[in-house]
C-alpha atoms as a PDB file:
ATOM      1  CA  UNK A   1      11.453 -60.997 -38.293  1.00  0.00           C
ATOM      2  CA  UNK A   2      13.440 -63.250 -36.201  1.00  0.00           C
ATOM      3  CA  UNK A   3      11.240 -64.134 -32.784  1.00  0.00           C
ATOM      4  CA  UNK A   4      14.608 -65.079 -30.762  1.00  0.00           C
ATOM      5  CA  UNK A   5      17.538 -67.117 -30.724  1.00  0.00           C
ATOM      6  CA  UNK A   6      17.643 -70.764 -29.057  1.00  0.00           C
ATOM      7  CA  UNK A   7      20.657 -72.106 -27.689  1.00  0.00           C
ATOM      8  CA  UNK A   8      21.044 -76.075 -27.883  1.00  0.00           C
ATOM      9  CA  UNK A   9      23.034 -78.970 -28.822  1.00  0.00           C
ATOM     10  CA  UNK A  10      22.971 -81.034 -31.887  1.00  0.00           C
ATOM     11  CA  UNK A  11      21.258 -83.444 -31.622  1.00  0.00           C
ATOM     12  CA  UNK A  12      19.371 -82.406 -28.358  1.00  0.00           C
ATOM     13  CA  UNK A  13      16.027 -84.236 -28.039  1.00  0.00           C
ATOM     14  CA  UNK A  14      14.725 -81.679 -25.393  1.00  0.00           C
ATOM     15  CA  UNK A  15      15.094 -79.098 -28.238  1.00  0.00           C
ATOM     16  CA  UNK A  16      13.600 -81.252 -30.981  1.00  0.00           C
ATOM     17  CA  UNK A  17      10.015 -80.407 -30.001  1.00  0.00           C
ATOM     18  CA  UNK A  18      10.843 -76.734 -29.672  1.00  0.00           C
ATOM     19  CA  UNK A  19      12.211 -76.450 -33.250  1.00  0.00           C
ATOM     20  CA  UNK A  20       9.542 -78.410 -34.886  1.00  0.00           C
ATOM     21  CA  UNK A  21       6.746 -76.165 -33.348  1.00  0.00           C
ATOM     22  CA  UNK A  22       8.376 -73.171 -33.865  1.00  0.00           C
ATOM     23  CA  UNK A  23       8.821 -73.839 -37.736  1.00  0.00           C
ATOM     24  CA  UNK A  24       5.281 -75.060 -37.830  1.00  0.00           C
ATOM     25  CA  UNK A  25       3.975 -71.851 -36.028  1.00  0.00           C
ATOM     26  CA  UNK A  26       6.168 -69.442 -38.145  1.00  0.00           C
ATOM     27  CA  UNK A  27       8.269 -68.420 -35.418  1.00  0.00           C
ATOM     28  CA  UNK A  28      11.805 -67.487 -36.892  1.00  0.00           C
ATOM     29  CA  UNK A  29      14.385 -68.484 -34.787  1.00  0.00           C
ATOM     30  CA  UNK A  30      18.300 -68.141 -34.651  1.00  0.00           C
ATOM     31  CA  UNK A  31      20.076 -71.370 -33.662  1.00  0.00           C
ATOM     32  CA  UNK A  32      23.493 -71.445 -31.661  1.00  0.00           C
ATOM     33  CA  UNK A  33      24.776 -74.702 -30.940  1.00  0.00           C
ATOM     34  CA  UNK A  34      26.573 -74.172 -27.473  1.00  0.00           C
ATOM     35  CA  UNK A  35      28.528 -77.150 -26.730  1.00  0.00           C
ATOM     36  CA  UNK A  36      31.437 -76.502 -24.840  1.00  0.00           C
ATOM     37  CA  UNK A  37      33.964 -77.203 -27.617  1.00  0.00           C
ATOM     38  CA  UNK A  38      31.964 -74.421 -29.311  1.00  0.00           C
ATOM     39  CA  UNK A  39      33.834 -71.707 -27.277  1.00  0.00           C
ATOM     40  CA  UNK A  40      31.948 -68.840 -28.921  1.00  0.00           C
ATOM     41  CA  UNK A  41      28.496 -70.571 -28.644  1.00  0.00           C
ATOM     42  CA  UNK A  42      28.981 -71.588 -25.088  1.00  0.00           C
ATOM     43  CA  UNK A  43      30.233 -68.402 -23.680  1.00  0.00           C
ATOM     44  CA  UNK A  44      27.105 -66.699 -25.456  1.00  0.00           C
ATOM     45  CA  UNK A  45      24.951 -69.199 -23.644  1.00  0.00           C
ATOM     46  CA  UNK A  46      26.164 -68.586 -20.242  1.00  0.00           C
ATOM     47  CA  UNK A  47      25.731 -64.954 -20.455  1.00  0.00           C
ATOM     48  CA  UNK A  48      22.021 -65.701 -20.320  1.00  0.00           C
ATOM     49  CA  UNK A  49      22.237 -69.045 -18.370  1.00  0.00           C
ATOM     50  CA  UNK A  50      24.930 -69.381 -15.706  1.00  0.00           C
ATOM     51  CA  UNK A  51      24.430 -73.057 -15.622  1.00  0.00           C
ATOM     52  CA  UNK A  52      25.180 -73.275 -19.241  1.00  0.00           C
ATOM     53  CA  UNK A  53      22.177 -75.501 -19.534  1.00  0.00           C
ATOM     54  CA  UNK A  54      20.190 -75.934 -22.887  1.00  0.00           C
ATOM     55  CA  UNK A  55      17.970 -75.121 -24.210  1.00  0.00           C
ATOM     56  CA  UNK A  56      17.940 -71.588 -23.358  1.00  0.00           C
ATOM     57  CA  UNK A  57      16.008 -69.067 -25.321  1.00  0.00           C
ATOM     58  CA  UNK A  58      16.417 -65.382 -25.449  1.00  0.00           C
ATOM     59  CA  UNK A  59      13.537 -63.475 -27.279  1.00  0.00           C
ATOM     60  CA  UNK A  60      14.232 -60.570 -29.310  1.00  0.00           C
ATOM     61  CA  UNK A  61      13.365 -57.909 -26.732  1.00  0.00           C
ATOM     62  CA  UNK A  62      15.665 -59.838 -24.124  1.00  0.00           C
ATOM     63  CA  UNK A  63      13.103 -61.909 -22.653  1.00  0.00           C
ATOM     64  CA  UNK A  64      14.981 -65.065 -21.205  1.00  0.00           C
ATOM     65  CA  UNK A  65      13.337 -68.417 -20.738  1.00  0.00           C
ATOM     66  CA  UNK A  66      14.853 -71.796 -19.866  1.00  0.00           C
ATOM     67  CA  UNK A  67      13.828 -75.351 -19.171  1.00  0.00           C
ATOM     68  CA  UNK A  68      12.526 -77.320 -21.934  1.00  0.00           C
ATOM     69  CA  UNK A  69       8.808 -77.766 -20.597  1.00  0.00           C
ATOM     70  CA  UNK A  70       7.875 -74.130 -20.649  1.00  0.00           C
ATOM     71  CA  UNK A  71       9.865 -73.452 -23.465  1.00  0.00           C
ATOM     72  CA  UNK A  72       7.937 -76.023 -25.597  1.00  0.00           C
ATOM     73  CA  UNK A  73       4.612 -74.656 -24.330  1.00  0.00           C
ATOM     74  CA  UNK A  74       5.704 -71.271 -25.218  1.00  0.00           C
ATOM     75  CA  UNK A  75       6.204 -72.232 -28.862  1.00  0.00           C
ATOM     76  CA  UNK A  76       2.696 -73.906 -29.218  1.00  0.00           C
ATOM     77  CA  UNK A  77      -0.741 -72.441 -28.954  1.00  0.00           C
ATOM     78  CA  UNK A  78      -1.760 -71.661 -25.489  1.00  0.00           C
ATOM     79  CA  UNK A  79      -3.816 -73.989 -23.576  1.00  0.00           C
ATOM     80  CA  UNK A  80      -6.621 -72.957 -21.277  1.00  0.00           C
ATOM     81  CA  UNK A  81      -6.154 -74.082 -17.684  1.00  0.00           C
ATOM     82  CA  UNK A  82      -8.271 -77.174 -18.028  1.00  0.00           C
ATOM     83  CA  UNK A  83      -7.467 -80.962 -16.896  1.00  0.00           C
ATOM     84  CA  UNK A  84      -6.123 -81.714 -20.380  1.00  0.00           C
ATOM     85  CA  UNK A  85      -3.399 -78.786 -19.280  1.00  0.00           C
ATOM     86  CA  UNK A  86      -2.192 -80.351 -16.306  1.00  0.00           C
ATOM     87  CA  UNK A  87      -2.201 -84.022 -18.139  1.00  0.00           C
ATOM     88  CA  UNK A  88      -0.097 -82.493 -20.758  1.00  0.00           C
ATOM     89  CA  UNK A  89       2.262 -81.144 -18.089  1.00  0.00           C
ATOM     90  CA  UNK A  90       2.299 -84.516 -16.401  1.00  0.00           C
ATOM     91  CA  UNK A  91       3.308 -86.417 -19.442  1.00  0.00           C
ATOM     92  CA  UNK A  92       6.101 -83.662 -20.374  1.00  0.00           C
ATOM     93  CA  UNK A  93       7.537 -83.866 -16.858  1.00  0.00           C
ATOM     94  CA  UNK A  94       7.400 -87.635 -16.770  1.00  0.00           C
ATOM     95  CA  UNK A  95       9.210 -87.685 -20.192  1.00  0.00           C
ATOM     96  CA  UNK A  96      11.938 -85.069 -19.306  1.00  0.00           C
ATOM     97  CA  UNK A  97      12.551 -86.436 -15.599  1.00  0.00           C
ATOM     98  CA  UNK A  98      12.201 -90.169 -15.901  1.00  0.00           C
ATOM     99  CA  UNK A  99      12.175 -91.344 -19.370  1.00  0.00           C
ATOM    100  CA  UNK A 100      14.742 -89.410 -20.551  1.00  0.00           C
ATOM    101  CA  UNK A 101      17.406 -90.068 -18.113  1.00  0.00           C
ATOM    102  CA  UNK A 102      16.046 -93.891 -18.392  1.00  0.00           C
ATOM    103  CA  UNK A 103      16.776 -94.291 -22.215  1.00  0.00           C
ATOM    104  CA  UNK A 104      19.847 -92.281 -22.022  1.00  0.00           C
ATOM    105  CA  UNK A 105      21.284 -94.431 -19.296  1.00  0.00           C
ATOM    106  CA  UNK A 106      21.024 -97.430 -21.733  1.00  0.00           C
ATOM    107  CA  UNK A 107      21.681 -95.637 -24.807  1.00  0.00           C
ATOM    108  CA  UNK A 108      24.442 -93.268 -24.254  1.00  0.00           C
ATOM    109  CA  UNK A 109      27.134 -95.763 -23.175  1.00  0.00           C
ATOM    110  CA  UNK A 110      26.624 -97.551 -26.535  1.00  0.00           C
ATOM    111  CA  UNK A 111      27.483 -94.646 -28.462  1.00  0.00           C
ATOM    112  CA  UNK A 112      30.703 -93.883 -26.200  1.00  0.00           C
ATOM    113  CA  UNK A 113      29.263 -91.146 -24.147  1.00  0.00           C
ATOM    114  CA  UNK A 114      28.974 -91.104 -20.095  1.00  0.00           C
ATOM    115  CA  UNK A 115      25.566 -91.978 -18.469  1.00  0.00           C
ATOM    116  CA  UNK A 116      23.675 -88.629 -17.698  1.00  0.00           C
ATOM    117  CA  UNK A 117      23.284 -90.430 -13.997  1.00  0.00           C
ATOM    118  CA  UNK A 118      26.060 -93.176 -13.373  1.00  0.00           C
ATOM    119  CA  UNK A 119      24.324 -96.547 -12.628  1.00  0.00           C
ATOM    120  CA  UNK A 120      24.713-100.256 -13.107  1.00  0.00           C
ATOM    121  CA  UNK A 121      23.911-101.282 -16.668  1.00  0.00           C
ATOM    122  CA  UNK A 122      21.383-103.762 -15.651  1.00  0.00           C
ATOM    123  CA  UNK A 123      19.656-100.998 -13.418  1.00  0.00           C
ATOM    124  CA  UNK A 124      19.642 -98.593 -16.100  1.00  0.00           C
ATOM    125  CA  UNK A 125      17.920-101.272 -18.633  1.00  0.00           C
ATOM    126  CA  UNK A 126      15.333-102.304 -15.945  1.00  0.00           C
ATOM    127  CA  UNK A 127      14.726 -98.683 -15.150  1.00  0.00           C
ATOM    128  CA  UNK A 128      14.132 -97.704 -18.975  1.00  0.00           C
ATOM    129  CA  UNK A 129      11.940-100.856 -19.738  1.00  0.00           C
ATOM    130  CA  UNK A 130       9.751 -99.921 -16.526  1.00  0.00           C
ATOM    131  CA  UNK A 131       9.187 -96.514 -17.875  1.00  0.00           C
ATOM    132  CA  UNK A 132       8.228 -97.759 -21.478  1.00  0.00           C
ATOM    133  CA  UNK A 133       5.884-100.345 -19.684  1.00  0.00           C
ATOM    134  CA  UNK A 134       4.004 -97.367 -17.915  1.00  0.00           C
ATOM    135  CA  UNK A 135       3.704 -95.884 -21.480  1.00  0.00           C
ATOM    136  CA  UNK A 136       2.601 -99.333 -22.995  1.00  0.00           C
ATOM    137  CA  UNK A 137      -0.024 -99.621 -20.187  1.00  0.00           C
ATOM    138  CA  UNK A 138      -1.504 -95.961 -21.120  1.00  0.00           C
ATOM    139  CA  UNK A 139      -1.332 -96.290 -24.889  1.00  0.00           C
ATOM    140  CA  UNK A 140      -3.033 -99.713 -24.936  1.00  0.00           C
ATOM    141  CA  UNK A 141      -6.345 -97.943 -24.000  1.00  0.00           C
ATOM    142  CA  UNK A 142      -5.672 -94.438 -25.389  1.00  0.00           C
ATOM    143  CA  UNK A 143      -4.579 -93.541 -28.918  1.00  0.00           C
ATOM    144  CA  UNK A 144      -2.411 -90.377 -27.468  1.00  0.00           C
ATOM    145  CA  UNK A 145      -1.293 -89.720 -24.314  1.00  0.00           C
ATOM    146  CA  UNK A 146      -3.894 -86.954 -23.390  1.00  0.00           C
ATOM    147  CA  UNK A 147      -7.197 -88.188 -24.776  1.00  0.00           C
ATOM    148  CA  UNK A 148      -8.077 -88.820 -28.226  1.00  0.00           C
ATOM    149  CA  UNK A 149      -6.220 -85.957 -29.738  1.00  0.00           C
ATOM    150  CA  UNK A 150      -2.431 -85.537 -30.549  1.00  0.00           C
ATOM    151  CA  UNK A 151      -0.833 -82.788 -28.414  1.00  0.00           C
ATOM    152  CA  UNK A 152       2.440 -81.517 -27.515  1.00  0.00           C
ATOM    153  CA  UNK A 153       2.630 -84.197 -24.827  1.00  0.00           C
ATOM    154  CA  UNK A 154       2.913 -86.806 -27.695  1.00  0.00           C
ATOM    155  CA  UNK A 155       5.648 -84.993 -29.625  1.00  0.00           C
ATOM    156  CA  UNK A 156       7.558 -84.102 -26.749  1.00  0.00           C
ATOM    157  CA  UNK A 157       7.513 -87.623 -25.229  1.00  0.00           C
ATOM    158  CA  UNK A 158       8.082 -89.489 -28.428  1.00  0.00           C
ATOM    159  CA  UNK A 159      11.276 -87.245 -28.857  1.00  0.00           C
ATOM    160  CA  UNK A 160      12.591 -88.526 -25.689  1.00  0.00           C
ATOM    161  CA  UNK A 161      12.226 -92.204 -27.055  1.00  0.00           C
ATOM    162  CA  UNK A 162      14.305 -91.454 -30.119  1.00  0.00           C
ATOM    163  CA  UNK A 163      17.282 -93.017 -28.788  1.00  0.00           C
ATOM    164  CA  UNK A 164      15.807 -96.278 -27.763  1.00  0.00           C
ATOM    165  CA  UNK A 165      14.134 -96.823 -31.167  1.00  0.00           C
ATOM    166  CA  UNK A 166      17.437 -95.999 -33.009  1.00  0.00           C
ATOM    167  CA  UNK A 167      19.215 -98.535 -31.100  1.00  0.00           C
ATOM    168  CA  UNK A 168      16.601-101.335 -30.158  1.00  0.00           C
ATOM    169  CA  UNK A 169      13.861-100.926 -32.872  1.00  0.00           C
ATOM    170  CA  UNK A 170      13.242-104.351 -33.282  1.00  0.00           C
ATOM    171  CA  UNK A 171      13.102-105.181 -29.650  1.00  0.00           C
ATOM    172  CA  UNK A 172      10.843-102.103 -28.906  1.00  0.00           C
ATOM    173  CA  UNK A 173       8.172-103.440 -31.548  1.00  0.00           C
ATOM    174  CA  UNK A 174       8.101-106.730 -29.795  1.00  0.00           C
ATOM    175  CA  UNK A 175       7.932-105.649 -26.500  1.00  0.00           C
ATOM    176  CA  UNK A 176       5.885-102.403 -26.727  1.00  0.00           C
ATOM    177  CA  UNK A 177       3.585-102.857 -29.395  1.00  0.00           C
ATOM    178  CA  UNK A 178       1.135 -99.949 -28.439  1.00  0.00           C
ATOM    179  CA  UNK A 179       4.051 -97.688 -27.771  1.00  0.00           C
ATOM    180  CA  UNK A 180       5.524 -98.527 -31.121  1.00  0.00           C
ATOM    181  CA  UNK A 181       2.062 -97.725 -32.893  1.00  0.00           C
ATOM    182  CA  UNK A 182       1.860 -94.149 -31.089  1.00  0.00           C
ATOM    183  CA  UNK A 183       5.627 -93.575 -31.624  1.00  0.00           C
ATOM    184  CA  UNK A 184       5.412 -94.157 -35.390  1.00  0.00           C
ATOM    185  CA  UNK A 185       2.099 -92.129 -35.612  1.00  0.00           C
ATOM    186  CA  UNK A 186       3.642 -89.263 -33.866  1.00  0.00           C
ATOM    187  CA  UNK A 187       6.773 -89.163 -36.088  1.00  0.00           C
ATOM    188  CA  UNK A 188       4.457 -89.545 -39.332  1.00  0.00           C
ATOM    189  CA  UNK A 189       3.329 -86.008 -38.628  1.00  0.00           C
ATOM    190  CA  UNK A 190       4.966 -84.108 -41.537  1.00  0.00           C
ATOM    191  CA  UNK A 191       6.145 -80.825 -39.969  1.00  0.00           C
ATOM    192  CA  UNK A 192       7.360 -83.103 -36.787  1.00  0.00           C
ATOM    193  CA  UNK A 193       9.010 -85.762 -39.038  1.00  0.00           C
ATOM    194  CA  UNK A 194      10.830 -83.100 -41.055  1.00  0.00           C
ATOM    195  CA  UNK A 195      12.217 -81.479 -38.031  1.00  0.00           C
ATOM    196  CA  UNK A 196      13.594 -84.704 -36.339  1.00  0.00           C
ATOM    197  CA  UNK A 197      13.980 -87.251 -39.471  1.00  0.00           C
ATOM    198  CA  UNK A 198      17.207 -89.169 -40.337  1.00  0.00           C
ATOM    199  CA  UNK A 199      17.470 -91.361 -37.138  1.00  0.00           C
ATOM    200  CA  UNK A 200      19.806 -94.265 -37.630  1.00  0.00           C
ATOM    201  CA  UNK A 201      18.448 -98.010 -37.003  1.00  0.00           C
ATOM    202  CA  UNK A 202      21.385 -99.513 -35.232  1.00  0.00           C
ATOM    203  CA  UNK A 203      19.712-102.940 -35.015  1.00  0.00           C
ATOM    204  CA  UNK A 204      20.933-103.550 -31.418  1.00  0.00           C
ATOM    205  CA  UNK A 205      19.471-106.282 -29.149  1.00  0.00           C
ATOM    206  CA  UNK A 206      18.390-105.806 -25.625  1.00  0.00           C
ATOM    207  CA  UNK A 207      19.803-107.843 -22.787  1.00  0.00           C
ATOM    208  CA  UNK A 208      17.503-110.444 -21.397  1.00  0.00           C
ATOM    209  CA  UNK A 209      16.333-108.088 -18.353  1.00  0.00           C
ATOM    210  CA  UNK A 210      12.763-108.093 -17.126  1.00  0.00           C
ATOM    211  CA  UNK A 211      10.525-104.878 -17.474  1.00  0.00           C
ATOM    212  CA  UNK A 212       8.981-105.174 -14.079  1.00  0.00           C
ATOM    213  CA  UNK A 213      11.472-103.648 -11.918  1.00  0.00           C
ATOM    214  CA  UNK A 214      13.524-100.719 -11.158  1.00  0.00           C
END
């Protein structure tokens, strides 16, 4: 039985973990790719989300849920309201509001797309490196983002780094070894790897900009 319909783009890092978790938990989804160029899909999306934003989910009974963090949690096992729950939300919020924008600011112009937030190229790079260094500091002392077990925060945050590793794999390994160890471990989980596999290795080099700045 179909659980509901997910409106997304292809590819879309904010939907990657949702799709992987839905499959892992046996939730059958109808997928509608709702880019503006897909008139039918985009019109359907706008019926449920007037902003036309993805991901947006419509359950079979008509319940509508948008925003990637609650959607991701909705597709995983429920967590009790402990400190871990809030730590998971903290890292997912960081990944969505900080890391995703930082990586996009550097990666998107390289593939001919507009930056999510227009800013100077050097500023974008410093912003990305600073956020990656924040992760590096955490993962030098912790195996995963929340304690010693993998959680949805790891899958979600790793998916936001897909563009950085596709473009700058060699440089990321050199600059951020703890992040790379963690990233590779997260992407080695079979059900997650199956959903997001096939990323290119563009072999690009980062400009010489220090990480310790905005």
